[in-house]
C-alpha atoms as a PDB file:
ATOM      1  CA  UNK A   1     -94.822 -86.496 -18.323  1.00  0.00           C
ATOM      2  CA  UNK A   2     -92.166 -90.224 -19.926  1.00  0.00           C
ATOM      3  CA  UNK A   3     -89.775 -89.032 -22.546  1.00  0.00           C
ATOM      4  CA  UNK A   4     -87.795 -90.625 -25.156  1.00  0.00           C
ATOM      5  CA  UNK A   5     -84.436 -88.570 -25.485  1.00  0.00           C
ATOM      6  CA  UNK A   6     -82.833 -89.505 -28.620  1.00  0.00           C
ATOM      7  CA  UNK A   7     -79.635 -87.782 -29.230  1.00  0.00           C
ATOM      8  CA  UNK A   8     -77.228 -87.781 -32.082  1.00  0.00           C
ATOM      9  CA  UNK A   9     -73.696 -86.312 -32.014  1.00  0.00           C
ATOM     10  CA  UNK A  10     -71.223 -86.444 -35.111  1.00  0.00           C
ATOM     11  CA  UNK A  11     -67.500 -87.192 -34.955  1.00  0.00           C
ATOM     12  CA  UNK A  12     -67.856 -88.251 -31.268  1.00  0.00           C
ATOM     13  CA  UNK A  13     -65.776 -91.229 -30.715  1.00  0.00           C
ATOM     14  CA  UNK A  14     -66.188 -94.406 -28.089  1.00  0.00           C
ATOM     15  CA  UNK A  15     -63.510 -93.182 -25.663  1.00  0.00           C
ATOM     16  CA  UNK A  16     -65.229 -89.925 -25.786  1.00  0.00           C
ATOM     17  CA  UNK A  17     -67.802 -91.266 -24.918  1.00  0.00           C
ATOM     18  CA  UNK A  18     -66.343 -93.446 -22.353  1.00  0.00           C
ATOM     19  CA  UNK A  19     -64.724 -90.476 -20.394  1.00  0.00           C
ATOM     20  CA  UNK A  20     -67.664 -89.091 -19.850  1.00  0.00           C
ATOM     21  CA  UNK A  21     -69.097 -92.202 -18.421  1.00  0.00           C
ATOM     22  CA  UNK A  22     -66.375 -92.312 -16.134  1.00  0.00           C
ATOM     23  CA  UNK A  23     -66.382 -89.059 -15.461  1.00  0.00           C
ATOM     24  CA  UNK A  24     -70.037 -88.721 -14.552  1.00  0.00           C
ATOM     25  CA  UNK A  25     -70.331 -91.766 -13.062  1.00  0.00           C
ATOM     26  CA  UNK A  26     -74.275 -92.515 -13.775  1.00  0.00           C
ATOM     27  CA  UNK A  27     -74.635 -95.781 -13.558  1.00  0.00           C
ATOM     28  CA  UNK A  28     -73.213 -95.796  -9.716  1.00  0.00           C
ATOM     29  CA  UNK A  29     -74.951 -92.039  -9.522  1.00  0.00           C
ATOM     30  CA  UNK A  30     -78.258 -92.469 -11.699  1.00  0.00           C
ATOM     31  CA  UNK A  31     -79.507 -88.360 -12.408  1.00  0.00           C
ATOM     32  CA  UNK A  32     -82.807 -87.464 -11.197  1.00  0.00           C
ATOM     33  CA  UNK A  33     -85.048 -88.088 -13.585  1.00  0.00           C
ATOM     34  CA  UNK A  34     -82.928 -91.172 -15.283  1.00  0.00           C
ATOM     35  CA  UNK A  35     -85.048 -94.323 -16.404  1.00  0.00           C
ATOM     36  CA  UNK A  36     -82.885 -95.761 -19.163  1.00  0.00           C
ATOM     37  CA  UNK A  37     -80.391 -95.175 -21.429  1.00  0.00           C
ATOM     38  CA  UNK A  38     -79.097 -96.783 -24.417  1.00  0.00           C
ATOM     39  CA  UNK A  39     -75.846 -95.971 -26.513  1.00  0.00           C
ATOM     40  CA  UNK A  40     -74.274 -96.606 -29.839  1.00  0.00           C
ATOM     41  CA  UNK A  41     -71.995 -96.027 -32.752  1.00  0.00           C
ATOM     42  CA  UNK A  42     -72.896 -96.029 -36.668  1.00  0.00           C
ATOM     43  CA  UNK A  43     -72.085 -93.699 -39.467  1.00  0.00           C
ATOM     44  CA  UNK A  44     -69.234 -92.005 -37.294  1.00  0.00           C
ATOM     45  CA  UNK A  45     -72.045 -90.953 -35.094  1.00  0.00           C
ATOM     46  CA  UNK A  46     -72.863 -91.609 -31.183  1.00  0.00           C
ATOM     47  CA  UNK A  47     -76.303 -92.295 -31.148  1.00  0.00           C
ATOM     48  CA  UNK A  48     -78.068 -92.685 -28.067  1.00  0.00           C
ATOM     49  CA  UNK A  49     -81.489 -93.183 -26.476  1.00  0.00           C
ATOM     50  CA  UNK A  50     -82.861 -92.366 -22.912  1.00  0.00           C
ATOM     51  CA  UNK A  51     -86.090 -92.403 -21.399  1.00  0.00           C
ATOM     52  CA  UNK A  52     -86.488 -89.469 -18.747  1.00  0.00           C
ATOM     53  CA  UNK A  53     -89.434 -88.949 -16.325  1.00  0.00           C
ATOM     54  CA  UNK A  54     -89.838 -85.142 -18.216  1.00  0.00           C
ATOM     55  CA  UNK A  55     -87.829 -83.276 -20.784  1.00  0.00           C
ATOM     56  CA  UNK A  56     -87.113 -80.689 -17.784  1.00  0.00           C
ATOM     57  CA  UNK A  57     -85.483 -83.522 -15.840  1.00  0.00           C
ATOM     58  CA  UNK A  58     -83.232 -84.031 -18.765  1.00  0.00           C
ATOM     59  CA  UNK A  59     -82.547 -80.481 -19.478  1.00  0.00           C
ATOM     60  CA  UNK A  60     -81.342 -79.880 -16.042  1.00  0.00           C
ATOM     61  CA  UNK A  61     -79.440 -82.956 -16.452  1.00  0.00           C
ATOM     62  CA  UNK A  62     -77.791 -81.503 -19.534  1.00  0.00           C
ATOM     63  CA  UNK A  63     -76.821 -78.191 -18.257  1.00  0.00           C
ATOM     64  CA  UNK A  64     -76.076 -78.715 -14.491  1.00  0.00           C
ATOM     65  CA  UNK A  65     -73.805 -81.803 -14.674  1.00  0.00           C
ATOM     66  CA  UNK A  66     -73.219 -83.528 -18.576  1.00  0.00           C
ATOM     67  CA  UNK A  67     -72.369 -80.549 -20.497  1.00  0.00           C
ATOM     68  CA  UNK A  68     -69.486 -80.276 -18.958  1.00  0.00           C
ATOM     69  CA  UNK A  69     -68.249 -83.546 -19.021  1.00  0.00           C
ATOM     70  CA  UNK A  70     -68.846 -83.450 -22.484  1.00  0.00           C
ATOM     71  CA  UNK A  71     -66.561 -80.310 -23.294  1.00  0.00           C
ATOM     72  CA  UNK A  72     -64.361 -81.823 -21.016  1.00  0.00           C
ATOM     73  CA  UNK A  73     -64.186 -84.595 -23.636  1.00  0.00           C
ATOM     74  CA  UNK A  74     -63.834 -82.572 -26.350  1.00  0.00           C
ATOM     75  CA  UNK A  75     -66.808 -83.986 -27.992  1.00  0.00           C
ATOM     76  CA  UNK A  76     -68.013 -81.556 -30.475  1.00  0.00           C
ATOM     77  CA  UNK A  77     -70.930 -79.202 -30.891  1.00  0.00           C
ATOM     78  CA  UNK A  78     -74.123 -79.849 -30.192  1.00  0.00           C
ATOM     79  CA  UNK A  79     -76.053 -83.336 -30.559  1.00  0.00           C
ATOM     80  CA  UNK A  80     -79.322 -83.544 -32.577  1.00  0.00           C
ATOM     81  CA  UNK A  81     -81.492 -83.982 -30.509  1.00  0.00           C
ATOM     82  CA  UNK A  82     -85.195 -84.886 -30.117  1.00  0.00           C
ATOM     83  CA  UNK A  83     -88.138 -85.874 -27.335  1.00  0.00           C
ATOM     84  CA  UNK A  84     -91.541 -87.323 -27.543  1.00  0.00           C
ATOM     85  CA  UNK A  85     -94.131 -88.765 -25.337  1.00  0.00           C
ATOM     86  CA  UNK A  86     -93.117 -92.338 -23.915  1.00  0.00           C
ATOM     87  CA  UNK A  87     -96.097 -94.622 -24.711  1.00  0.00           C
ATOM     88  CA  UNK A  88     -94.749 -98.241 -22.693  1.00  0.00           C
ATOM     89  CA  UNK A  89     -91.518 -99.650 -21.751  1.00  0.00           C
ATOM     90  CA  UNK A  90     -90.529-103.082 -21.241  1.00  0.00           C
ATOM     91  CA  UNK A  91     -87.048-104.066 -19.759  1.00  0.00           C
ATOM     92  CA  UNK A  92     -86.278-107.894 -19.123  1.00  0.00           C
ATOM     93  CA  UNK A  93     -86.049-108.189 -15.650  1.00  0.00           C
ATOM     94  CA  UNK A  94     -82.183-108.801 -14.111  1.00  0.00           C
ATOM     95  CA  UNK A  95     -80.895-106.708 -17.350  1.00  0.00           C
ATOM     96  CA  UNK A  96     -78.426-104.321 -16.972  1.00  0.00           C
ATOM     97  CA  UNK A  97     -75.112-103.502 -17.255  1.00  0.00           C
ATOM     98  CA  UNK A  98     -72.980-102.586 -20.710  1.00  0.00           C
ATOM     99  CA  UNK A  99     -73.263-106.412 -21.368  1.00  0.00           C
END
């Protein structure tokens, strides 16, 4: 079952996020099970909303790949994380990238 993953990291910076994104290259090498990724900064924290094919896909990616990149970038601690079942998703045709 597809899930919405919500993450919040207090103290993470845009520079750290970009270091992880550059190291992981997830836009070129999409992790198995990833569907959608949105990130922003607000209130001194990195916020991420993802859609994954399953919670297990996300957890495998976090454990096997993302965790070490986060550590290398110096992003502190564990994020506040929640999983919710996806009801529906809609992405406007032709939309991609960071702008």
